[in-house]
Amino acid sequence: MRALVCESWREFDELELKEIPPPPLRPGGVRIRVEAAGVSFATQLVVAGKYQRKPPLPFTPGTEVAGTVLESTPDVPDPLPPGTRVFAVVDWGGMAQEVVADAIHVTAIPDGLPLEPAVAMPISYPTAAAALLWRARLAPGQWVLVQGAAAGVGLAGVEIARALGLRVIARCGAAKRGVPLARGADLVLDSAEPFRDAVLEATGGAGVGAVLDTLGGPVFDESLRCLGDGGTLVTIGFAAGGIPQLPVNILLLKNIGVAGLNWGTYCGWSPGDNRQLHAPRARAIWAQLTEWWAAGALRPEVHAGFPLHEFREAMAEVRSRRASGRVVLRPQEV
């Protein structure tokens, strides 16, 4: 099969496209014909050896896939039949024509929904969903501020917040203002401008119940100051490039909190690999997401797709920050 291969820590553009044997089918595994593999900023860190989790060399990168089931091991309870369209999160190996995933991390795509956009469901959407459901825990009608709201986890957060009945203030670049608006945001603020005053004005001075922060960096402190009494800032990434320092005195003075959400923990990517322990919660999130998607509340989209041999062009599109949906590789395309 064709696959991208990382033989030593390197830049993404230095990966090699090779013919390698298909991965062996392990206990509890499902073999998937990969139709789409997600491309993200994190992939660059993984192949450079700069991510917190390092696959054993050599390896094929890629953790988010959508495709069809080829076979399952006999020990998989209630296996999905061959040909079933699925999305899955994998440890690595997604940027190849076939991958083997743990059955607990494979979810069927409901009939009538497109396959390729499902590549956003293994990681991006559940990250936002877990942040809002497990950490923020807001009641319908409350306000949430979503940073980085025009792409990836932020845009998923806007959609999920609306599905939960929340009121949404989205923050993104002016050129992408229409993206979160089209997904139901009540107010969109320009990420080039200060935002605290606008947030307080929109909420009648009360502040928001939660901030979904995908950026970190310099917006962190201002985000804290947008929280109302008892509010929570959920940090889920540092796309702005800086890891902020927490002024703990503000937590005390404002009666607010900061929480983290690392979806990788629930996929077995943290020390101890507790994927089996977390499987019921993770699968419940994926089930809820597919239900919302089938009902039209979520709109995962593909911004651009590239054949596997155009992996450099795919990553260039990600780096350009033009995408308002996911960039994917299509391993079956020659």
C-alpha atoms as a PDB file:
ATOM      1  CA  MET A   1       0.000   0.000   0.000  1.00  0.00           C
ATOM      2  CA  ARG A   2       1.056   3.636  -0.444  1.00  0.00           C
ATOM      3  CA  ALA A   3       1.829   5.588   2.687  1.00  0.00           C
ATOM      4  CA  LEU A   4       3.722   8.604   3.918  1.00  0.00           C
ATOM      5  CA  VAL A   5       6.702   7.487   5.985  1.00  0.00           C
ATOM      6  CA  CYS A   6       8.704   9.324   8.631  1.00  0.00           C
ATOM      7  CA  GLU A   7      12.025   7.529   9.137  1.00  0.00           C
ATOM      8  CA  SER A   8      13.657  10.181  11.330  1.00  0.00           C
ATOM      9  CA  TRP A   9      12.478  13.389  13.001  1.00  0.00           C
ATOM     10  CA  ARG A  10      12.115  15.917  10.214  1.00  0.00           C
ATOM     11  CA  GLU A  11       9.996  18.620   8.634  1.00  0.00           C
ATOM     12  CA  PHE A  12       6.666  17.503   7.197  1.00  0.00           C
ATOM     13  CA  ASP A  13       7.725  18.457   3.662  1.00  0.00           C
ATOM     14  CA  GLU A  14      10.654  16.004   3.956  1.00  0.00           C
ATOM     15  CA  LEU A  15       8.437  12.953   4.433  1.00  0.00           C
ATOM     16  CA  GLU A  16       8.641  10.203   1.828  1.00  0.00           C
ATOM     17  CA  LEU A  17       5.865   8.481  -0.093  1.00  0.00           C
ATOM     18  CA  LYS A  18       6.577   4.744  -0.157  1.00  0.00           C
ATOM     19  CA  GLU A  19       5.089   1.334  -0.811  1.00  0.00           C
ATOM     20  CA  ILE A  20       4.923  -0.516   2.511  1.00  0.00           C
ATOM     21  CA  PRO A  21       3.099  -3.631   3.783  1.00  0.00           C
ATOM     22  CA  PRO A  22      -0.395  -3.079   5.204  1.00  0.00           C
ATOM     23  CA  PRO A  23      -0.424  -2.887   9.012  1.00  0.00           C
ATOM     24  CA  PRO A  24      -1.134  -6.178  10.808  1.00  0.00           C
ATOM     25  CA  LEU A  25      -4.576  -6.654  12.283  1.00  0.00           C
ATOM     26  CA  ARG A  26      -4.154  -6.658  16.075  1.00  0.00           C
ATOM     27  CA  PRO A  27      -6.587  -7.872  18.773  1.00  0.00           C
ATOM     28  CA  GLY A  28      -9.573  -5.567  19.103  1.00  0.00           C
ATOM     29  CA  GLY A  29      -8.701  -3.965  15.788  1.00  0.00           C
ATOM     30  CA  VAL A  30     -10.600  -2.818  12.715  1.00  0.00           C
ATOM     31  CA  ARG A  31      -8.929  -2.484   9.325  1.00  0.00           C
ATOM     32  CA  ILE A  32     -10.108   0.612   7.455  1.00  0.00           C
ATOM     33  CA  ARG A  33      -9.681   1.606   3.822  1.00  0.00           C
ATOM     34  CA  VAL A  34      -8.720   5.258   4.256  1.00  0.00           C
ATOM     35  CA  GLU A  35     -10.620   7.630   1.985  1.00  0.00           C
ATOM     36  CA  ALA A  36      -9.651  10.833   3.836  1.00  0.00           C
ATOM     37  CA  ALA A  37      -6.967  11.644   6.395  1.00  0.00           C
ATOM     38  CA  GLY A  38      -6.885  14.923   8.288  1.00  0.00           C
ATOM     39  CA  VAL A  39      -3.943  17.319   7.931  1.00  0.00           C
ATOM     40  CA  SER A  40      -3.262  19.673  10.848  1.00  0.00           C
ATOM     41  CA  PHE A  41      -0.631  21.871  12.458  1.00  0.00           C
ATOM     42  CA  ALA A  42      -0.090  19.169  15.071  1.00  0.00           C
ATOM     43  CA  THR A  43       1.092  16.750  12.390  1.00  0.00           C
ATOM     44  CA  GLN A  44       4.125  18.966  11.819  1.00  0.00           C
ATOM     45  CA  LEU A  45       5.055  18.713  15.488  1.00  0.00           C
ATOM     46  CA  VAL A  46       4.651  14.931  15.517  1.00  0.00           C
ATOM     47  CA  VAL A  47       6.983  14.250  12.576  1.00  0.00           C
ATOM     48  CA  ALA A  48       9.531  16.742  13.936  1.00  0.00           C
ATOM     49  CA  GLY A  49       9.614  14.914  17.280  1.00  0.00           C
ATOM     50  CA  LYS A  50       8.285  18.014  19.063  1.00  0.00           C
ATOM     51  CA  TYR A  51       4.920  16.624  20.148  1.00  0.00           C
ATOM     52  CA  GLN A  52       4.414  15.339  23.695  1.00  0.00           C
ATOM     53  CA  ARG A  53       3.881  11.835  22.305  1.00  0.00           C
ATOM     54  CA  LYS A  54       6.456  10.329  19.980  1.00  0.00           C
ATOM     55  CA  PRO A  55       5.589   7.338  17.762  1.00  0.00           C
ATOM     56  CA  PRO A  56       8.275   4.686  17.271  1.00  0.00           C
ATOM     57  CA  LEU A  57      10.368   5.313  14.153  1.00  0.00           C
ATOM     58  CA  PRO A  58       9.709   4.654  11.338  1.00  0.00           C
ATOM     59  CA  PHE A  59       6.009   5.452  11.293  1.00  0.00           C
ATOM     60  CA  THR A  60       3.220   6.870   9.160  1.00  0.00           C
ATOM     61  CA  PRO A  61       1.658  10.073  10.552  1.00  0.00           C
ATOM     62  CA  GLY A  62      -2.045  10.845  10.690  1.00  0.00           C
ATOM     63  CA  THR A  63      -4.507  10.446  13.559  1.00  0.00           C
ATOM     64  CA  GLU A  64      -7.896  11.305  11.981  1.00  0.00           C
ATOM     65  CA  VAL A  65      -9.410   9.174   9.243  1.00  0.00           C
ATOM     66  CA  ALA A  66     -12.660   8.545   7.438  1.00  0.00           C
ATOM     67  CA  GLY A  67     -13.170   5.490   5.258  1.00  0.00           C
ATOM     68  CA  THR A  68     -14.783   2.074   5.026  1.00  0.00           C
ATOM     69  CA  VAL A  69     -14.389  -1.050   7.127  1.00  0.00           C
ATOM     70  CA  LEU A  70     -12.452  -3.879   5.481  1.00  0.00           C
ATOM     71  CA  GLU A  71     -12.348  -6.405   8.342  1.00  0.00           C
ATOM     72  CA  SER A  72     -12.366  -6.751  12.120  1.00  0.00           C
ATOM     73  CA  THR A  73     -10.742  -9.254  14.471  1.00  0.00           C
ATOM     74  CA  PRO A  74     -12.964 -12.021  15.876  1.00  0.00           C
ATOM     75  CA  ASP A  75     -12.728 -10.614  19.411  1.00  0.00           C
ATOM     76  CA  VAL A  76     -14.479  -7.349  18.471  1.00  0.00           C
ATOM     77  CA  PRO A  77     -17.997  -7.386  19.966  1.00  0.00           C
ATOM     78  CA  ASP A  78     -20.736  -6.377  17.520  1.00  0.00           C
ATOM     79  CA  PRO A  79     -18.301  -5.625  14.680  1.00  0.00           C
ATOM     80  CA  LEU A  80     -19.309  -3.211  11.958  1.00  0.00           C
ATOM     81  CA  PRO A  81     -19.822  -5.080   8.663  1.00  0.00           C
ATOM     82  CA  PRO A  82     -17.258  -4.664   5.870  1.00  0.00           C
ATOM     83  CA  GLY A  83     -18.174  -1.692   3.726  1.00  0.00           C
ATOM     84  CA  THR A  84     -19.546   0.340   6.626  1.00  0.00           C
ATOM     85  CA  ARG A  85     -18.545   4.002   6.342  1.00  0.00           C
ATOM     86  CA  VAL A  86     -16.758   5.120   9.497  1.00  0.00           C
ATOM     87  CA  PHE A  87     -14.587   7.744  11.113  1.00  0.00           C
ATOM     88  CA  ALA A  88     -11.855   6.841  13.573  1.00  0.00           C
ATOM     89  CA  VAL A  89      -9.068   8.221  15.692  1.00  0.00           C
ATOM     90  CA  VAL A  90      -5.785   6.312  15.486  1.00  0.00           C
ATOM     91  CA  ASP A  91      -2.468   6.613  17.303  1.00  0.00           C
ATOM     92  CA  TRP A  92      -0.695   7.129  13.966  1.00  0.00           C
ATOM     93  CA  GLY A  93      -0.788   5.597  10.481  1.00  0.00           C
ATOM     94  CA  GLY A  94      -3.692   7.523   8.972  1.00  0.00           C
ATOM     95  CA  MET A  95      -1.862   8.950   5.953  1.00  0.00           C
ATOM     96  CA  ALA A  96      -1.908   5.628   4.144  1.00  0.00           C
ATOM     97  CA  GLN A  97      -4.277   3.557   2.051  1.00  0.00           C
ATOM     98  CA  GLU A  98      -5.117   1.324   5.023  1.00  0.00           C
ATOM     99  CA  VAL A  99      -4.971   1.746   8.776  1.00  0.00           C
ATOM    100  CA  VAL A 100      -5.867  -0.385  11.782  1.00  0.00           C
ATOM    101  CA  ALA A 101      -7.848   1.333  14.542  1.00  0.00           C
ATOM    102  CA  ASP A 102      -9.058   0.131  17.923  1.00  0.00           C
ATOM    103  CA  ALA A 103     -12.710  -0.864  17.601  1.00  0.00           C
ATOM    104  CA  ILE A 104     -13.579   1.391  20.559  1.00  0.00           C
ATOM    105  CA  HIS A 105     -12.406   4.369  18.490  1.00  0.00           C
ATOM    106  CA  VAL A 106     -14.403   3.566  15.327  1.00  0.00           C
ATOM    107  CA  THR A 107     -17.811   5.161  14.756  1.00  0.00           C
ATOM    108  CA  ALA A 108     -20.256   4.522  11.925  1.00  0.00           C
ATOM    109  CA  ILE A 109     -21.234   7.500   9.772  1.00  0.00           C
ATOM    110  CA  PRO A 110     -25.037   7.812   9.615  1.00  0.00           C
ATOM    111  CA  ASP A 111     -26.669   7.129   6.263  1.00  0.00           C
ATOM    112  CA  GLY A 112     -27.121  10.189   4.092  1.00  0.00           C
ATOM    113  CA  LEU A 113     -24.120  12.070   5.485  1.00  0.00           C
ATOM    114  CA  PRO A 114     -20.967  12.663   3.410  1.00  0.00           C
ATOM    115  CA  LEU A 115     -17.839  10.662   4.214  1.00  0.00           C
ATOM    116  CA  GLU A 116     -14.957  13.122   3.834  1.00  0.00           C
ATOM    117  CA  PRO A 117     -16.158  15.798   6.291  1.00  0.00           C
ATOM    118  CA  ALA A 118     -16.307  13.090   8.964  1.00  0.00           C
ATOM    119  CA  VAL A 119     -12.534  13.471   9.278  1.00  0.00           C
ATOM    120  CA  ALA A 120     -13.291  16.350  11.676  1.00  0.00           C
ATOM    121  CA  MET A 121     -15.237  14.070  14.021  1.00  0.00           C
ATOM    122  CA  PRO A 122     -12.462  11.992  15.646  1.00  0.00           C
ATOM    123  CA  ILE A 123     -10.659  14.923  17.304  1.00  0.00           C
ATOM    124  CA  SER A 124     -11.798  18.481  16.450  1.00  0.00           C
ATOM    125  CA  TYR A 125     -15.484  18.165  17.302  1.00  0.00           C
ATOM    126  CA  PRO A 126     -15.125  16.007  20.433  1.00  0.00           C
ATOM    127  CA  THR A 127     -12.464  18.374  21.775  1.00  0.00           C
ATOM    128  CA  ALA A 128     -14.944  21.247  21.622  1.00  0.00           C
ATOM    129  CA  ALA A 129     -17.810  19.079  22.854  1.00  0.00           C
ATOM    130  CA  ALA A 130     -15.909  17.740  25.861  1.00  0.00           C
ATOM    131  CA  ALA A 131     -14.710  21.254  26.727  1.00  0.00           C
ATOM    132  CA  LEU A 132     -18.269  22.563  26.776  1.00  0.00           C
ATOM    133  CA  LEU A 133     -20.018  19.528  28.267  1.00  0.00           C
ATOM    134  CA  TRP A 134     -17.460  18.330  30.802  1.00  0.00           C
ATOM    135  CA  ARG A 135     -15.638  21.501  31.785  1.00  0.00           C
ATOM    136  CA  ALA A 136     -17.810  24.561  31.095  1.00  0.00           C
ATOM    137  CA  ARG A 137     -21.158  22.943  32.016  1.00  0.00           C
ATOM    138  CA  LEU A 138     -23.306  25.900  31.003  1.00  0.00           C
ATOM    139  CA  ALA A 139     -27.090  26.115  31.007  1.00  0.00           C
ATOM    140  CA  PRO A 140     -29.035  27.014  27.844  1.00  0.00           C
ATOM    141  CA  GLY A 141     -29.150  30.767  27.326  1.00  0.00           C
ATOM    142  CA  GLN A 142     -25.760  31.452  28.885  1.00  0.00           C
ATOM    143  CA  TRP A 143     -23.011  33.202  26.939  1.00  0.00           C
ATOM    144  CA  VAL A 144     -19.794  31.591  25.725  1.00  0.00           C
ATOM    145  CA  LEU A 145     -16.837  33.324  24.068  1.00  0.00           C
ATOM    146  CA  VAL A 146     -15.068  31.196  21.429  1.00  0.00           C
ATOM    147  CA  GLN A 147     -11.541  32.182  20.435  1.00  0.00           C
ATOM    148  CA  GLY A 148     -10.222  31.143  17.003  1.00  0.00           C
ATOM    149  CA  ALA A 149     -13.806  30.644  15.916  1.00  0.00           C
ATOM    150  CA  ALA A 150     -13.426  30.387  12.121  1.00  0.00           C
ATOM    151  CA  ALA A 151     -11.654  27.034  11.792  1.00  0.00           C
ATOM    152  CA  GLY A 152     -10.957  23.694  13.428  1.00  0.00           C
ATOM    153  CA  VAL A 153     -11.893  23.263  17.079  1.00  0.00           C
ATOM    154  CA  GLY A 154     -13.122  26.846  17.418  1.00  0.00           C
ATOM    155  CA  LEU A 155     -15.671  26.546  14.627  1.00  0.00           C
ATOM    156  CA  ALA A 156     -16.792  23.196  16.029  1.00  0.00           C
ATOM    157  CA  GLY A 157     -17.214  24.972  19.357  1.00  0.00           C
ATOM    158  CA  VAL A 158     -19.528  27.564  17.818  1.00  0.00           C
ATOM    159  CA  GLU A 159     -21.747  24.852  16.323  1.00  0.00           C
ATOM    160  CA  ILE A 160     -21.829  22.709  19.458  1.00  0.00           C
ATOM    161  CA  ALA A 161     -22.559  25.704  21.668  1.00  0.00           C
ATOM    162  CA  ARG A 162     -25.567  26.507  19.495  1.00  0.00           C
ATOM    163  CA  ALA A 163     -26.684  22.858  19.650  1.00  0.00           C
ATOM    164  CA  LEU A 164     -26.576  23.201  23.459  1.00  0.00           C
ATOM    165  CA  GLY A 165     -28.717  26.323  23.357  1.00  0.00           C
ATOM    166  CA  LEU A 166     -25.915  28.697  24.318  1.00  0.00           C
ATOM    167  CA  ARG A 167     -25.433  32.260  23.097  1.00  0.00           C
ATOM    168  CA  VAL A 168     -22.138  32.637  21.246  1.00  0.00           C
ATOM    169  CA  ILE A 169     -19.632  35.440  20.885  1.00  0.00           C
ATOM    170  CA  ALA A 170     -17.127  34.329  18.255  1.00  0.00           C
ATOM    171  CA  ARG A 171     -13.734  35.910  17.672  1.00  0.00           C
ATOM    172  CA  CYS A 172     -11.808  35.508  14.417  1.00  0.00           C
ATOM    173  CA  GLY A 173     -10.107  37.427  11.610  1.00  0.00           C
ATOM    174  CA  ALA A 174     -12.256  39.995   9.827  1.00  0.00           C
ATOM    175  CA  ALA A 175     -11.944  38.174   6.499  1.00  0.00           C
ATOM    176  CA  LYS A 176     -13.608  35.082   7.993  1.00  0.00           C
ATOM    177  CA  ARG A 177     -16.326  36.878   9.906  1.00  0.00           C
ATOM    178  CA  GLY A 178     -19.047  35.236   7.878  1.00  0.00           C
ATOM    179  CA  VAL A 179     -17.937  31.709   8.784  1.00  0.00           C
ATOM    180  CA  PRO A 180     -19.026  31.632  12.450  1.00  0.00           C
ATOM    181  CA  LEU A 181     -22.017  33.850  11.614  1.00  0.00           C
ATOM    182  CA  ALA A 182     -23.212  31.190   9.200  1.00  0.00           C
ATOM    183  CA  ARG A 183     -22.889  28.612  11.991  1.00  0.00           C
ATOM    184  CA  GLY A 184     -25.122  30.589  14.342  1.00  0.00           C
ATOM    185  CA  ALA A 185     -22.831  32.912  16.301  1.00  0.00           C
ATOM    186  CA  ASP A 186     -24.763  35.801  17.859  1.00  0.00           C
ATOM    187  CA  LEU A 187     -21.835  38.220  17.623  1.00  0.00           C
ATOM    188  CA  VAL A 188     -18.484  38.070  15.811  1.00  0.00           C
ATOM    189  CA  LEU A 189     -15.538  40.181  16.951  1.00  0.00           C
ATOM    190  CA  ASP A 190     -12.422  40.999  14.949  1.00  0.00           C
ATOM    191  CA  SER A 191      -9.412  39.144  16.358  1.00  0.00           C
ATOM    192  CA  ALA A 192      -7.205  42.146  15.536  1.00  0.00           C
ATOM    193  CA  GLU A 193      -9.073  44.308  18.065  1.00  0.00           C
ATOM    194  CA  PRO A 194      -9.345  44.349  21.878  1.00  0.00           C
ATOM    195  CA  PHE A 195     -12.499  42.525  22.893  1.00  0.00           C
ATOM    196  CA  ARG A 196     -13.230  42.821  26.621  1.00  0.00           C
ATOM    197  CA  ASP A 197     -15.429  45.914  26.358  1.00  0.00           C
ATOM    198  CA  ALA A 198     -17.410  44.475  23.458  1.00  0.00           C
ATOM    199  CA  VAL A 199     -18.002  41.216  25.363  1.00  0.00           C
ATOM    200  CA  LEU A 200     -19.179  43.042  28.477  1.00  0.00           C
ATOM    201  CA  GLU A 201     -21.464  45.268  26.419  1.00  0.00           C
ATOM    202  CA  ALA A 202     -23.022  42.278  24.634  1.00  0.00           C
ATOM    203  CA  THR A 203     -23.661  40.497  27.927  1.00  0.00           C
ATOM    204  CA  GLY A 204     -25.090  43.529  29.708  1.00  0.00           C
ATOM    205  CA  GLY A 205     -21.991  43.817  31.854  1.00  0.00           C
ATOM    206  CA  ALA A 206     -22.354  40.321  33.283  1.00  0.00           C
ATOM    207  CA  GLY A 207     -19.565  38.668  31.293  1.00  0.00           C
ATOM    208  CA  VAL A 208     -19.636  35.208  29.729  1.00  0.00           C
ATOM    209  CA  GLY A 209     -20.161  31.914  31.497  1.00  0.00           C
ATOM    210  CA  ALA A 210     -17.234  30.323  29.695  1.00  0.00           C
ATOM    211  CA  VAL A 211     -14.410  30.990  27.284  1.00  0.00           C
ATOM    212  CA  LEU A 212     -13.304  28.312  24.848  1.00  0.00           C
ATOM    213  CA  ASP A 213      -9.660  29.241  24.278  1.00  0.00           C
ATOM    214  CA  THR A 214      -7.866  27.643  21.337  1.00  0.00           C
ATOM    215  CA  LEU A 215      -5.261  30.407  21.152  1.00  0.00           C
ATOM    216  CA  GLY A 216      -3.486  31.018  24.447  1.00  0.00           C
ATOM    217  CA  GLY A 217      -0.818  33.666  24.056  1.00  0.00           C
ATOM    218  CA  PRO A 218      -1.690  37.310  24.704  1.00  0.00           C
ATOM    219  CA  VAL A 219      -5.476  36.874  24.515  1.00  0.00           C
ATOM    220  CA  PHE A 220      -5.519  34.652  27.604  1.00  0.00           C
ATOM    221  CA  ASP A 221      -5.466  37.465  30.178  1.00  0.00           C
ATOM    222  CA  GLU A 222      -8.132  39.477  28.377  1.00  0.00           C
ATOM    223  CA  SER A 223     -10.274  36.349  28.082  1.00  0.00           C
ATOM    224  CA  LEU A 224     -10.096  35.851  31.845  1.00  0.00           C
ATOM    225  CA  ARG A 225     -11.414  39.353  32.312  1.00  0.00           C
ATOM    226  CA  CYS A 226     -14.423  38.542  30.128  1.00  0.00           C
ATOM    227  CA  LEU A 227     -15.673  35.862  32.520  1.00  0.00           C
ATOM    228  CA  GLY A 228     -18.647  36.544  34.727  1.00  0.00           C
ATOM    229  CA  ASP A 229     -19.076  35.354  38.296  1.00  0.00           C
ATOM    230  CA  GLY A 230     -18.425  31.617  38.505  1.00  0.00           C
ATOM    231  CA  GLY A 231     -17.276  31.430  34.876  1.00  0.00           C
ATOM    232  CA  THR A 232     -14.681  29.042  33.489  1.00  0.00           C
ATOM    233  CA  LEU A 233     -11.982  29.497  30.875  1.00  0.00           C
ATOM    234  CA  VAL A 234     -11.307  26.168  29.164  1.00  0.00           C
ATOM    235  CA  THR A 235      -7.879  26.052  27.564  1.00  0.00           C
ATOM    236  CA  ILE A 236      -7.577  23.595  24.688  1.00  0.00           C
ATOM    237  CA  GLY A 237      -4.664  24.869  22.617  1.00  0.00           C
ATOM    238  CA  PHE A 238      -2.019  27.478  21.966  1.00  0.00           C
ATOM    239  CA  ALA A 239      -2.434  28.355  18.301  1.00  0.00           C
ATOM    240  CA  ALA A 240      -1.251  31.903  19.017  1.00  0.00           C
ATOM    241  CA  GLY A 241       2.136  30.438  19.856  1.00  0.00           C
ATOM    242  CA  GLY A 242       2.560  31.312  23.531  1.00  0.00           C
ATOM    243  CA  ILE A 243       1.765  29.423  26.730  1.00  0.00           C
ATOM    244  CA  PRO A 244       0.306  32.019  29.110  1.00  0.00           C
ATOM    245  CA  GLN A 245       1.040  32.392  32.795  1.00  0.00           C
ATOM    246  CA  LEU A 246      -1.987  32.338  35.060  1.00  0.00           C
ATOM    247  CA  PRO A 247      -2.561  35.366  37.364  1.00  0.00           C
ATOM    248  CA  VAL A 248      -4.111  33.351  40.180  1.00  0.00           C
ATOM    249  CA  ASN A 249      -5.221  36.433  42.115  1.00  0.00           C
ATOM    250  CA  ILE A 250      -7.801  37.134  39.384  1.00  0.00           C
ATOM    251  CA  LEU A 251      -9.377  33.727  39.968  1.00  0.00           C
ATOM    252  CA  LEU A 252      -9.923  34.644  43.604  1.00  0.00           C
ATOM    253  CA  LEU A 253     -11.132  38.188  43.005  1.00  0.00           C
ATOM    254  CA  LYS A 254     -13.583  37.252  40.227  1.00  0.00           C
ATOM    255  CA  ASN A 255     -14.699  33.826  41.564  1.00  0.00           C
ATOM    256  CA  ILE A 256     -13.710  32.215  38.278  1.00  0.00           C
ATOM    257  CA  GLY A 257     -11.830  29.113  37.212  1.00  0.00           C
ATOM    258  CA  VAL A 258      -9.505  27.778  34.534  1.00  0.00           C
ATOM    259  CA  ALA A 259      -9.742  24.197  33.271  1.00  0.00           C
ATOM    260  CA  GLY A 260      -7.883  22.241  30.651  1.00  0.00           C
ATOM    261  CA  LEU A 261      -9.220  19.761  28.112  1.00  0.00           C
ATOM    262  CA  ASN A 262      -6.865  17.347  26.369  1.00  0.00           C
ATOM    263  CA  TRP A 263      -8.930  15.036  24.154  1.00  0.00           C
ATOM    264  CA  GLY A 264      -5.856  12.857  23.644  1.00  0.00           C
ATOM    265  CA  THR A 265      -6.224  11.618  27.221  1.00  0.00           C
ATOM    266  CA  TYR A 266      -9.527   9.981  26.286  1.00  0.00           C
ATOM    267  CA  CYS A 267      -7.937   8.361  23.218  1.00  0.00           C
ATOM    268  CA  GLY A 268      -5.120   6.753  25.224  1.00  0.00           C
ATOM    269  CA  TRP A 269      -2.409   9.260  24.349  1.00  0.00           C
ATOM    270  CA  SER A 270      -1.458  10.228  27.891  1.00  0.00           C
ATOM    271  CA  PRO A 271       0.924   8.314  30.188  1.00  0.00           C
ATOM    272  CA  GLY A 272      -0.720   5.091  31.310  1.00  0.00           C
ATOM    273  CA  ASP A 273      -2.828   4.711  28.137  1.00  0.00           C
ATOM    274  CA  ASN A 274      -6.283   4.606  29.726  1.00  0.00           C
ATOM    275  CA  ARG A 275      -8.226   4.340  26.471  1.00  0.00           C
ATOM    276  CA  GLN A 276     -10.287   1.383  27.696  1.00  0.00           C
ATOM    277  CA  LEU A 277     -11.200   3.214  30.897  1.00  0.00           C
ATOM    278  CA  HIS A 278     -12.296   6.319  29.007  1.00  0.00           C
ATOM    279  CA  ALA A 279     -13.966   4.491  26.096  1.00  0.00           C
ATOM    280  CA  PRO A 280     -17.564   4.796  27.397  1.00  0.00           C
ATOM    281  CA  ARG A 281     -17.292   8.589  27.774  1.00  0.00           C
ATOM    282  CA  ALA A 282     -15.529   9.029  24.449  1.00  0.00           C
ATOM    283  CA  ARG A 283     -18.027   6.875  22.598  1.00  0.00           C
ATOM    284  CA  ALA A 284     -20.910   8.782  24.196  1.00  0.00           C
ATOM    285  CA  ILE A 285     -19.460  12.034  22.839  1.00  0.00           C
ATOM    286  CA  TRP A 286     -19.078  10.566  19.329  1.00  0.00           C
ATOM    287  CA  ALA A 287     -22.649   9.237  19.476  1.00  0.00           C
ATOM    288  CA  GLN A 288     -23.981  12.667  20.454  1.00  0.00           C
ATOM    289  CA  LEU A 289     -21.976  14.362  17.707  1.00  0.00           C
ATOM    290  CA  THR A 290     -23.268  12.031  14.992  1.00  0.00           C
ATOM    291  CA  GLU A 291     -26.816  12.565  16.263  1.00  0.00           C
ATOM    292  CA  TRP A 292     -26.406  16.345  16.053  1.00  0.00           C
ATOM    293  CA  TRP A 293     -24.780  16.029  12.629  1.00  0.00           C
ATOM    294  CA  ALA A 294     -27.608  13.865  11.293  1.00  0.00           C
ATOM    295  CA  ALA A 295     -30.109  16.422  12.636  1.00  0.00           C
ATOM    296  CA  GLY A 296     -28.342  19.249  10.796  1.00  0.00           C
ATOM    297  CA  ALA A 297     -27.039  21.017  13.900  1.00  0.00           C
ATOM    298  CA  LEU A 298     -23.402  20.415  12.895  1.00  0.00           C
ATOM    299  CA  ARG A 299     -21.846  21.109   9.506  1.00  0.00           C
ATOM    300  CA  PRO A 300     -18.341  19.647   9.266  1.00  0.00           C
ATOM    301  CA  GLU A 301     -16.842  20.619   5.921  1.00  0.00           C
ATOM    302  CA  VAL A 302     -13.769  19.921   3.803  1.00  0.00           C
ATOM    303  CA  HIS A 303     -11.987  23.055   2.663  1.00  0.00           C
ATOM    304  CA  ALA A 304      -9.656  21.236   0.260  1.00  0.00           C
ATOM    305  CA  GLY A 305      -8.614  17.692  -0.600  1.00  0.00           C
ATOM    306  CA  PHE A 306      -5.336  16.479  -2.113  1.00  0.00           C
ATOM    307  CA  PRO A 307      -4.080  13.113  -3.370  1.00  0.00           C
ATOM    308  CA  LEU A 308      -1.509  11.548  -1.075  1.00  0.00           C
ATOM    309  CA  HIS A 309       1.443  12.518  -3.253  1.00  0.00           C
ATOM    310  CA  GLU A 310       0.489  16.190  -2.877  1.00  0.00           C
ATOM    311  CA  PHE A 311       1.025  16.113   0.889  1.00  0.00           C
ATOM    312  CA  ARG A 312       3.288  19.161   0.740  1.00  0.00           C
ATOM    313  CA  GLU A 313       0.598  21.215  -0.989  1.00  0.00           C
ATOM    314  CA  ALA A 314      -1.940  20.042   1.607  1.00  0.00           C
ATOM    315  CA  MET A 315       0.220  21.219   4.500  1.00  0.00           C
ATOM    316  CA  ALA A 316       0.902  24.510   2.710  1.00  0.00           C
ATOM    317  CA  GLU A 317      -2.856  25.089   2.626  1.00  0.00           C
ATOM    318  CA  VAL A 318      -3.044  24.434   6.375  1.00  0.00           C
ATOM    319  CA  ARG A 319      -0.148  26.815   7.049  1.00  0.00           C
ATOM    320  CA  SER A 320      -1.813  29.531   4.963  1.00  0.00           C
ATOM    321  CA  ARG A 321      -4.653  29.715   7.516  1.00  0.00           C
ATOM    322  CA  ARG A 322      -7.099  30.180   4.630  1.00  0.00           C
ATOM    323  CA  ALA A 323      -9.103  27.091   5.516  1.00  0.00           C
ATOM    324  CA  SER A 324     -12.521  27.424   7.110  1.00  0.00           C
ATOM    325  CA  GLY A 325     -13.012  23.644   6.981  1.00  0.00           C
ATOM    326  CA  ARG A 326     -10.650  20.696   7.147  1.00  0.00           C
ATOM    327  CA  VAL A 327      -7.798  19.967   4.723  1.00  0.00           C
ATOM    328  CA  VAL A 328      -7.580  16.272   3.856  1.00  0.00           C
ATOM    329  CA  LEU A 329      -5.381  13.832   2.023  1.00  0.00           C
ATOM    330  CA  ARG A 330      -7.047  11.237  -0.223  1.00  0.00           C
ATOM    331  CA  PRO A 331      -4.839   8.126  -0.144  1.00  0.00           C
ATOM    332  CA  GLN A 332      -6.883   6.263  -2.760  1.00  0.00           C
ATOM    333  CA  GLU A 333      -6.290   8.923  -5.419  1.00  0.00           C
ATOM    334  CA  VAL A 334      -3.349   8.251  -7.727  1.00  0.00           C
END
